[in-house]
Amino acid sequence: MASKNAPVRKKFRVAVSGTTIDGREISGLMLRQAAENYDPEVWGSRVNVEHMLSRMPSSEFSAVGDVISLSTEEIREGKLAGRTALYAEIEPTDRMTQMLNDGKKIYSSIELEPNIDAVGGPYVIGLAMTDTPASLGTERLKFAAQQRASIMQFNSR
């Protein structure tokens, strides 16, 4: 049985291969390699607000979560069928969950470095909460804290 204080984690689609809104190109190969290369022991990617990460822990721009893992899937249906989707498992802080519950910064934007020598290829070095994602197909971020609380209460019976 899971601990009542276990961190809430959820997987979200954070990027899709193809041309971004601002004209950059993200290849499916790059997303697959970034997912394969991701290892929090090499570099733990933090979730930030609008690509700004303060050094001050009390700042509005301090980290609001962590990327636990990355994976890819091919999109099979809809207008984005045939493209590669990058998914991130995110562990939010309470502040991130509150921001999302308030409808603030509800989408994601990846910070993708094309070549990190230590891993031999692309690496997601961060993930931003934003209202203006560059990638098409990003999923709205939402953690079901109420649902999880109900499940945990049921499991403790």
N, C-alpha and C. Protein backbone atom coordinates (compact mmCIF):
# COMPACT_ATOMS: atom_id res chain seq x y z
N MET A 1 0.84 -1.18 0.00
CA MET A 1 0.00 0.00 0.00
C MET A 1 0.89 1.24 0.00
N ALA A 2 0.51 2.21 -0.79
CA ALA A 2 1.27 3.46 -0.90
C ALA A 2 1.13 4.29 0.36
N SER A 3 2.17 5.02 0.66
CA SER A 3 2.15 5.93 1.80
C SER A 3 1.20 7.08 1.52
N LYS A 4 0.57 7.57 2.58
CA LYS A 4 -0.33 8.72 2.42
C LYS A 4 0.45 9.96 1.98
N ASN A 5 1.75 10.00 2.29
CA ASN A 5 2.58 11.14 1.92
C ASN A 5 3.37 10.90 0.64
N ALA A 6 3.05 9.85 -0.10
CA ALA A 6 3.76 9.57 -1.35
C ALA A 6 3.55 10.73 -2.32
N PRO A 7 4.59 11.07 -3.07
CA PRO A 7 4.44 12.19 -4.01
C PRO A 7 3.44 11.88 -5.12
N VAL A 8 2.72 12.91 -5.51
CA VAL A 8 1.80 12.79 -6.64
C VAL A 8 2.63 12.93 -7.90
N ARG A 9 2.45 12.00 -8.83
CA ARG A 9 3.17 12.06 -10.11
C ARG A 9 2.17 11.78 -11.22
N LYS A 10 2.42 12.39 -12.37
CA LYS A 10 1.56 12.14 -13.52
C LYS A 10 2.36 12.36 -14.79
N LYS A 11 1.97 11.62 -15.83
CA LYS A 11 2.63 11.71 -17.13
C LYS A 11 1.80 12.60 -18.05
N PHE A 12 2.49 13.54 -18.72
CA PHE A 12 1.84 14.48 -19.64
C PHE A 12 2.58 14.51 -20.97
N ARG A 13 1.83 14.77 -22.05
CA ARG A 13 2.45 15.00 -23.35
C ARG A 13 2.97 16.43 -23.36
N VAL A 14 4.31 16.57 -23.50
CA VAL A 14 4.94 17.88 -23.36
C VAL A 14 5.52 18.42 -24.67
N ALA A 15 5.59 17.59 -25.70
CA ALA A 15 6.08 18.05 -27.01
C ALA A 15 5.68 17.05 -28.07
N VAL A 16 5.59 17.54 -29.31
CA VAL A 16 5.26 16.70 -30.46
C VAL A 16 6.21 17.07 -31.59
N SER A 17 6.68 16.07 -32.31
CA SER A 17 7.60 16.33 -33.42
C SER A 17 6.92 17.18 -34.50
N GLY A 18 7.74 17.92 -35.23
CA GLY A 18 7.24 18.77 -36.31
C GLY A 18 7.68 20.20 -36.10
N THR A 19 7.09 21.09 -36.87
CA THR A 19 7.43 22.51 -36.79
C THR A 19 6.69 23.14 -35.62
N THR A 20 7.42 23.91 -34.81
CA THR A 20 6.81 24.60 -33.68
C THR A 20 6.11 25.87 -34.15
N ILE A 21 5.36 26.48 -33.27
CA ILE A 21 4.64 27.72 -33.56
C ILE A 21 5.59 28.82 -34.03
N ASP A 22 6.81 28.83 -33.48
CA ASP A 22 7.78 29.88 -33.83
C ASP A 22 8.76 29.44 -34.93
N GLY A 23 8.45 28.34 -35.63
CA GLY A 23 9.22 27.97 -36.80
C GLY A 23 10.38 27.02 -36.60
N ARG A 24 10.66 26.61 -35.37
CA ARG A 24 11.73 25.63 -35.14
C ARG A 24 11.24 24.23 -35.50
N GLU A 25 12.17 23.36 -35.78
CA GLU A 25 11.83 21.98 -36.14
C GLU A 25 12.29 21.04 -35.02
N ILE A 26 11.37 20.18 -34.56
CA ILE A 26 11.70 19.15 -33.58
C ILE A 26 11.48 17.81 -34.27
N SER A 27 12.54 17.04 -34.43
CA SER A 27 12.39 15.75 -35.11
C SER A 27 11.95 14.66 -34.13
N GLY A 28 11.27 13.67 -34.67
CA GLY A 28 10.88 12.52 -33.85
C GLY A 28 12.10 11.81 -33.29
N LEU A 29 13.15 11.73 -34.10
CA LEU A 29 14.39 11.09 -33.65
C LEU A 29 14.97 11.82 -32.45
N MET A 30 14.96 13.15 -32.50
CA MET A 30 15.50 13.93 -31.38
C MET A 30 14.70 13.68 -30.10
N LEU A 31 13.37 13.61 -30.22
CA LEU A 31 12.54 13.35 -29.04
C LEU A 31 12.79 11.95 -28.49
N ARG A 32 12.90 10.96 -29.39
CA ARG A 32 13.17 9.58 -28.94
C ARG A 32 14.53 9.50 -28.25
N GLN A 33 15.54 10.14 -28.83
CA GLN A 33 16.87 10.12 -28.22
C GLN A 33 16.88 10.83 -26.87
N ALA A 34 16.18 11.96 -26.78
CA ALA A 34 16.12 12.70 -25.52
C ALA A 34 15.47 11.84 -24.43
N ALA A 35 14.41 11.11 -24.78
CA ALA A 35 13.75 10.23 -23.81
C ALA A 35 14.69 9.10 -23.38
N GLU A 36 15.38 8.51 -24.34
CA GLU A 36 16.33 7.43 -24.02
C GLU A 36 17.50 7.93 -23.17
N ASN A 37 17.95 9.14 -23.44
CA ASN A 37 19.10 9.70 -22.73
C ASN A 37 18.77 10.19 -21.33
N TYR A 38 17.49 10.44 -21.04
CA TYR A 38 17.15 11.10 -19.78
C TYR A 38 17.49 10.22 -18.58
N ASP A 39 18.22 10.79 -17.66
CA ASP A 39 18.61 10.11 -16.43
C ASP A 39 18.79 11.17 -15.35
N PRO A 40 17.88 11.22 -14.38
CA PRO A 40 17.99 12.24 -13.33
C PRO A 40 19.30 12.19 -12.55
N GLU A 41 20.00 11.04 -12.60
CA GLU A 41 21.30 10.97 -11.92
C GLU A 41 22.39 11.67 -12.72
N VAL A 42 22.18 11.85 -14.03
CA VAL A 42 23.11 12.61 -14.86
C VAL A 42 22.78 14.10 -14.74
N TRP A 43 21.50 14.44 -14.92
CA TRP A 43 21.02 15.82 -14.78
C TRP A 43 19.54 15.75 -14.48
N GLY A 44 19.18 16.17 -13.30
CA GLY A 44 17.77 16.19 -12.92
C GLY A 44 17.12 17.46 -13.41
N SER A 45 16.17 17.33 -14.29
CA SER A 45 15.51 18.50 -14.89
C SER A 45 14.41 19.00 -13.98
N ARG A 46 14.43 20.28 -13.72
CA ARG A 46 13.43 20.92 -12.87
C ARG A 46 12.33 21.53 -13.72
N VAL A 47 11.17 21.70 -13.12
CA VAL A 47 10.07 22.41 -13.76
C VAL A 47 10.13 23.85 -13.26
N ASN A 48 10.08 24.80 -14.19
CA ASN A 48 10.16 26.21 -13.83
C ASN A 48 8.96 26.95 -14.43
N VAL A 49 8.91 28.23 -14.19
CA VAL A 49 7.83 29.08 -14.71
C VAL A 49 8.39 29.93 -15.84
N GLU A 50 7.83 29.74 -17.04
CA GLU A 50 8.18 30.55 -18.22
C GLU A 50 9.68 30.59 -18.53
N HIS A 51 10.34 29.46 -18.34
CA HIS A 51 11.78 29.32 -18.66
C HIS A 51 12.66 30.21 -17.80
N MET A 52 12.17 30.58 -16.63
CA MET A 52 12.97 31.38 -15.69
C MET A 52 13.13 30.57 -14.42
N LEU A 53 14.37 30.42 -13.97
CA LEU A 53 14.64 29.67 -12.75
C LEU A 53 15.57 30.50 -11.87
N SER A 54 15.02 30.97 -10.77
CA SER A 54 15.77 31.82 -9.84
C SER A 54 16.69 30.99 -8.96
N ARG A 55 17.76 31.59 -8.54
CA ARG A 55 18.65 30.96 -7.56
C ARG A 55 18.10 31.10 -6.15
N MET A 56 17.14 31.98 -5.97
CA MET A 56 16.59 32.26 -4.64
C MET A 56 15.39 31.35 -4.38
N PRO A 57 15.43 30.53 -3.34
CA PRO A 57 14.33 29.59 -3.09
C PRO A 57 12.99 30.26 -2.79
N SER A 58 13.01 31.50 -2.31
CA SER A 58 11.75 32.18 -2.00
C SER A 58 11.17 32.94 -3.19
N SER A 59 11.83 32.90 -4.33
CA SER A 59 11.40 33.63 -5.52
C SER A 59 10.16 33.00 -6.16
N GLU A 60 9.37 33.84 -6.83
CA GLU A 60 8.25 33.34 -7.62
C GLU A 60 8.74 32.46 -8.76
N PHE A 61 10.02 32.58 -9.09
CA PHE A 61 10.60 31.81 -10.18
C PHE A 61 11.52 30.69 -9.68
N SER A 62 11.27 30.21 -8.46
CA SER A 62 12.00 29.03 -7.99
C SER A 62 11.35 27.80 -8.63
N ALA A 63 12.04 26.68 -8.59
CA ALA A 63 11.53 25.45 -9.22
C ALA A 63 10.20 25.04 -8.59
N VAL A 64 9.32 24.50 -9.43
CA VAL A 64 7.99 24.10 -8.98
C VAL A 64 7.73 22.60 -9.19
N GLY A 65 8.75 21.86 -9.52
CA GLY A 65 8.58 20.42 -9.70
C GLY A 65 9.81 19.80 -10.33
N ASP A 66 9.72 18.49 -10.55
CA ASP A 66 10.82 17.73 -11.13
C ASP A 66 10.32 16.82 -12.23
N VAL A 67 11.16 16.64 -13.25
CA VAL A 67 10.90 15.66 -14.29
C VAL A 67 11.49 14.34 -13.79
N ILE A 68 10.64 13.34 -13.62
CA ILE A 68 11.07 12.04 -13.09
C ILE A 68 11.53 11.13 -14.22
N SER A 69 10.80 11.13 -15.31
CA SER A 69 11.16 10.27 -16.45
C SER A 69 10.58 10.85 -17.73
N LEU A 70 11.12 10.38 -18.86
CA LEU A 70 10.63 10.76 -20.18
C LEU A 70 10.38 9.50 -20.99
N SER A 71 9.40 9.56 -21.87
CA SER A 71 9.11 8.45 -22.79
C SER A 71 8.51 9.03 -24.06
N THR A 72 8.47 8.23 -25.11
CA THR A 72 7.85 8.67 -26.36
C THR A 72 6.84 7.65 -26.83
N GLU A 73 5.90 8.12 -27.61
CA GLU A 73 4.89 7.28 -28.26
C GLU A 73 4.58 7.89 -29.61
N GLU A 74 4.20 7.06 -30.55
CA GLU A 74 3.75 7.56 -31.84
C GLU A 74 2.26 7.89 -31.71
N ILE A 75 1.86 9.04 -32.20
CA ILE A 75 0.45 9.45 -32.17
C ILE A 75 -0.26 8.71 -33.29
N ARG A 76 -1.35 8.03 -32.98
CA ARG A 76 -2.02 7.16 -33.94
C ARG A 76 -3.31 7.75 -34.52
N GLU A 77 -3.88 8.74 -33.83
CA GLU A 77 -5.16 9.29 -34.28
C GLU A 77 -5.13 10.81 -34.27
N GLY A 78 -6.08 11.38 -34.99
CA GLY A 78 -6.24 12.84 -34.98
C GLY A 78 -5.33 13.55 -35.95
N LYS A 79 -5.33 14.86 -35.85
CA LYS A 79 -4.59 15.71 -36.78
C LYS A 79 -3.07 15.58 -36.64
N LEU A 80 -2.60 15.06 -35.52
CA LEU A 80 -1.16 14.90 -35.31
C LEU A 80 -0.71 13.46 -35.51
N ALA A 81 -1.57 12.62 -36.08
CA ALA A 81 -1.23 11.21 -36.31
C ALA A 81 0.05 11.10 -37.13
N GLY A 82 0.88 10.14 -36.74
CA GLY A 82 2.14 9.91 -37.43
C GLY A 82 3.32 10.66 -36.82
N ARG A 83 3.06 11.54 -35.89
CA ARG A 83 4.13 12.28 -35.24
C ARG A 83 4.54 11.59 -33.94
N THR A 84 5.72 11.92 -33.47
CA THR A 84 6.23 11.38 -32.21
C THR A 84 5.88 12.34 -31.08
N ALA A 85 5.34 11.80 -29.99
CA ALA A 85 5.01 12.60 -28.81
C ALA A 85 5.99 12.29 -27.69
N LEU A 86 6.45 13.33 -27.00
CA LEU A 86 7.30 13.18 -25.83
C LEU A 86 6.44 13.36 -24.60
N TYR A 87 6.54 12.40 -23.68
CA TYR A 87 5.80 12.44 -22.42
C TYR A 87 6.77 12.60 -21.27
N ALA A 88 6.40 13.41 -20.30
CA ALA A 88 7.21 13.61 -19.09
C ALA A 88 6.38 13.21 -17.88
N GLU A 89 6.98 12.40 -17.02
CA GLU A 89 6.37 12.13 -15.71
C GLU A 89 6.87 13.23 -14.79
N ILE A 90 5.93 13.97 -14.22
CA ILE A 90 6.25 15.15 -13.42
C ILE A 90 5.83 14.94 -11.98
N GLU A 91 6.71 15.33 -11.06
CA GLU A 91 6.38 15.36 -9.64
C GLU A 91 6.31 16.83 -9.24
N PRO A 92 5.09 17.35 -8.98
CA PRO A 92 4.93 18.78 -8.71
C PRO A 92 5.17 19.12 -7.24
N THR A 93 5.50 20.38 -7.00
CA THR A 93 5.46 20.90 -5.64
C THR A 93 4.01 21.32 -5.37
N ASP A 94 3.72 21.63 -4.12
CA ASP A 94 2.38 22.12 -3.79
C ASP A 94 2.07 23.41 -4.54
N ARG A 95 3.09 24.25 -4.72
CA ARG A 95 2.89 25.53 -5.43
C ARG A 95 2.51 25.30 -6.89
N MET A 96 3.13 24.32 -7.54
CA MET A 96 2.79 24.01 -8.93
C MET A 96 1.34 23.54 -9.01
N THR A 97 0.97 22.64 -8.12
CA THR A 97 -0.41 22.14 -8.12
C THR A 97 -1.40 23.27 -7.90
N GLN A 98 -1.09 24.20 -6.99
CA GLN A 98 -1.98 25.33 -6.73
C GLN A 98 -2.09 26.23 -7.95
N MET A 99 -0.97 26.50 -8.61
CA MET A 99 -1.01 27.34 -9.82
C MET A 99 -1.91 26.71 -10.88
N LEU A 100 -1.77 25.40 -11.07
CA LEU A 100 -2.60 24.72 -12.07
C LEU A 100 -4.07 24.73 -11.67
N ASN A 101 -4.34 24.52 -10.39
CA ASN A 101 -5.73 24.56 -9.91
C ASN A 101 -6.34 25.95 -10.10
N ASP A 102 -5.50 26.98 -10.09
CA ASP A 102 -5.95 28.35 -10.31
C ASP A 102 -6.01 28.70 -11.80
N GLY A 103 -5.67 27.75 -12.67
CA GLY A 103 -5.71 27.98 -14.11
C GLY A 103 -4.55 28.79 -14.65
N LYS A 104 -3.42 28.78 -13.93
CA LYS A 104 -2.26 29.57 -14.34
C LYS A 104 -1.17 28.67 -14.92
N LYS A 105 -0.59 29.10 -16.05
CA LYS A 105 0.55 28.40 -16.67
C LYS A 105 0.25 26.91 -16.84
N ILE A 106 -0.80 26.62 -17.58
CA ILE A 106 -1.34 25.26 -17.66
C ILE A 106 -0.75 24.38 -18.75
N TYR A 107 0.18 24.91 -19.54
CA TYR A 107 0.83 24.11 -20.58
C TYR A 107 2.32 24.00 -20.29
N SER A 108 2.99 23.20 -21.08
CA SER A 108 4.42 22.98 -20.87
C SER A 108 5.22 23.37 -22.10
N SER A 109 6.49 23.60 -21.87
CA SER A 109 7.43 23.91 -22.94
C SER A 109 8.77 23.27 -22.56
N ILE A 110 9.30 22.41 -23.43
CA ILE A 110 10.53 21.71 -23.09
C ILE A 110 11.75 22.60 -23.33
N GLU A 111 12.78 22.36 -22.56
CA GLU A 111 14.09 22.99 -22.75
C GLU A 111 15.01 21.87 -23.24
N LEU A 112 15.19 21.82 -24.55
CA LEU A 112 15.89 20.72 -25.20
C LEU A 112 17.26 21.17 -25.68
N GLU A 113 18.28 20.59 -25.10
CA GLU A 113 19.65 20.87 -25.53
C GLU A 113 20.01 19.82 -26.58
N PRO A 114 20.41 20.23 -27.79
CA PRO A 114 20.59 19.27 -28.89
C PRO A 114 21.75 18.29 -28.72
N ASN A 115 22.77 18.65 -27.94
CA ASN A 115 23.88 17.71 -27.80
C ASN A 115 24.59 17.90 -26.47
N ILE A 116 24.40 16.94 -25.58
CA ILE A 116 25.09 16.91 -24.30
C ILE A 116 26.14 15.80 -24.40
N ASP A 117 27.40 16.16 -24.29
CA ASP A 117 28.49 15.19 -24.45
C ASP A 117 28.35 13.98 -23.53
N ALA A 118 27.96 14.20 -22.28
CA ALA A 118 27.90 13.11 -21.30
C ALA A 118 26.93 12.00 -21.70
N VAL A 119 25.92 12.34 -22.49
CA VAL A 119 24.94 11.32 -22.91
C VAL A 119 25.01 11.04 -24.40
N GLY A 120 25.80 11.82 -25.12
CA GLY A 120 25.99 11.59 -26.54
C GLY A 120 24.83 11.98 -27.42
N GLY A 121 24.08 13.01 -27.03
CA GLY A 121 22.97 13.44 -27.87
C GLY A 121 22.07 14.42 -27.15
N PRO A 122 20.82 14.53 -27.63
CA PRO A 122 19.89 15.51 -27.06
C PRO A 122 19.47 15.16 -25.64
N TYR A 123 19.14 16.21 -24.87
CA TYR A 123 18.76 16.03 -23.47
C TYR A 123 17.78 17.13 -23.08
N VAL A 124 16.73 16.75 -22.38
CA VAL A 124 15.79 17.73 -21.84
C VAL A 124 16.38 18.24 -20.53
N ILE A 125 16.82 19.50 -20.54
CA ILE A 125 17.49 20.07 -19.37
C ILE A 125 16.53 20.82 -18.46
N GLY A 126 15.29 20.97 -18.88
CA GLY A 126 14.29 21.63 -18.06
C GLY A 126 12.93 21.59 -18.74
N LEU A 127 11.92 21.95 -17.98
CA LEU A 127 10.55 21.98 -18.47
C LEU A 127 9.89 23.20 -17.86
N ALA A 128 9.25 24.01 -18.69
CA ALA A 128 8.62 25.22 -18.18
C ALA A 128 7.10 25.10 -18.19
N MET A 129 6.48 25.70 -17.18
CA MET A 129 5.04 25.92 -17.18
C MET A 129 4.82 27.21 -17.95
N THR A 130 3.84 27.22 -18.86
CA THR A 130 3.62 28.40 -19.70
C THR A 130 2.16 28.47 -20.13
N ASP A 131 1.77 29.61 -20.63
CA ASP A 131 0.46 29.75 -21.27
C ASP A 131 0.60 29.74 -22.78
N THR A 132 1.85 29.74 -23.27
CA THR A 132 2.10 29.82 -24.71
C THR A 132 3.13 28.77 -25.14
N PRO A 133 2.72 27.51 -25.25
CA PRO A 133 3.68 26.48 -25.66
C PRO A 133 4.08 26.66 -27.12
N ALA A 134 5.34 26.35 -27.44
CA ALA A 134 5.81 26.43 -28.82
C ALA A 134 5.41 25.19 -29.61
N SER A 135 5.41 24.04 -28.94
CA SER A 135 5.09 22.78 -29.61
C SER A 135 3.58 22.60 -29.74
N LEU A 136 3.17 22.07 -30.87
CA LEU A 136 1.77 21.68 -31.03
C LEU A 136 1.52 20.43 -30.18
N GLY A 137 0.28 20.20 -29.81
CA GLY A 137 -0.10 18.95 -29.17
C GLY A 137 0.26 18.80 -27.71
N THR A 138 0.68 19.88 -27.05
CA THR A 138 0.98 19.73 -25.62
C THR A 138 -0.32 19.56 -24.85
N GLU A 139 -0.24 18.75 -23.83
CA GLU A 139 -1.41 18.42 -23.02
C GLU A 139 -1.51 19.40 -21.85
N ARG A 140 -2.73 19.77 -21.50
CA ARG A 140 -2.94 20.64 -20.34
C ARG A 140 -2.48 19.91 -19.08
N LEU A 141 -1.69 20.60 -18.27
CA LEU A 141 -1.20 20.03 -17.01
C LEU A 141 -2.29 20.10 -15.96
N LYS A 142 -2.54 18.98 -15.30
CA LYS A 142 -3.54 18.97 -14.23
C LYS A 142 -3.27 17.76 -13.34
N PHE A 143 -3.20 17.99 -12.06
CA PHE A 143 -3.03 16.91 -11.09
C PHE A 143 -4.32 16.77 -10.33
N ALA A 144 -4.82 15.56 -10.24
CA ALA A 144 -6.11 15.30 -9.59
C ALA A 144 -5.87 15.00 -8.11
N ALA A 145 -5.56 16.02 -7.35
CA ALA A 145 -5.28 15.83 -5.93
C ALA A 145 -6.50 15.31 -5.19
N GLN A 146 -7.68 15.82 -5.54
CA GLN A 146 -8.90 15.36 -4.88
C GLN A 146 -9.14 13.89 -5.16
N GLN A 147 -8.96 13.49 -6.41
CA GLN A 147 -9.16 12.10 -6.79
C GLN A 147 -8.16 11.22 -6.05
N ARG A 148 -6.90 11.62 -5.98
CA ARG A 148 -5.88 10.84 -5.30
C ARG A 148 -6.21 10.71 -3.83
N ALA A 149 -6.69 11.78 -3.19
CA ALA A 149 -7.05 11.72 -1.78
C ALA A 149 -8.15 10.70 -1.55
N SER A 150 -9.13 10.65 -2.45
CA SER A 150 -10.22 9.68 -2.33
C SER A 150 -9.69 8.26 -2.46
N ILE A 151 -8.79 8.05 -3.41
CA ILE A 151 -8.22 6.72 -3.62
C ILE A 151 -7.42 6.30 -2.39
N MET A 152 -6.61 7.20 -1.85
CA MET A 152 -5.80 6.87 -0.69
C MET A 152 -6.67 6.58 0.52
N GLN A 153 -7.77 7.32 0.68
CA GLN A 153 -8.68 7.07 1.79
C GLN A 153 -9.31 5.69 1.63
N PHE A 154 -9.72 5.34 0.42
CA PHE A 154 -10.30 4.03 0.15
C PHE A 154 -9.29 2.93 0.43
N ASN A 155 -8.03 3.11 -0.01
CA ASN A 155 -6.99 2.09 0.17
C ASN A 155 -6.61 1.88 1.62
N SER A 156 -6.82 2.87 2.47
CA SER A 156 -6.43 2.73 3.88
C SER A 156 -7.50 2.04 4.72
N ARG A 157 -8.60 1.69 4.10
CA ARG A 157 -9.67 0.99 4.84
C ARG A 157 -9.33 -0.45 5.08
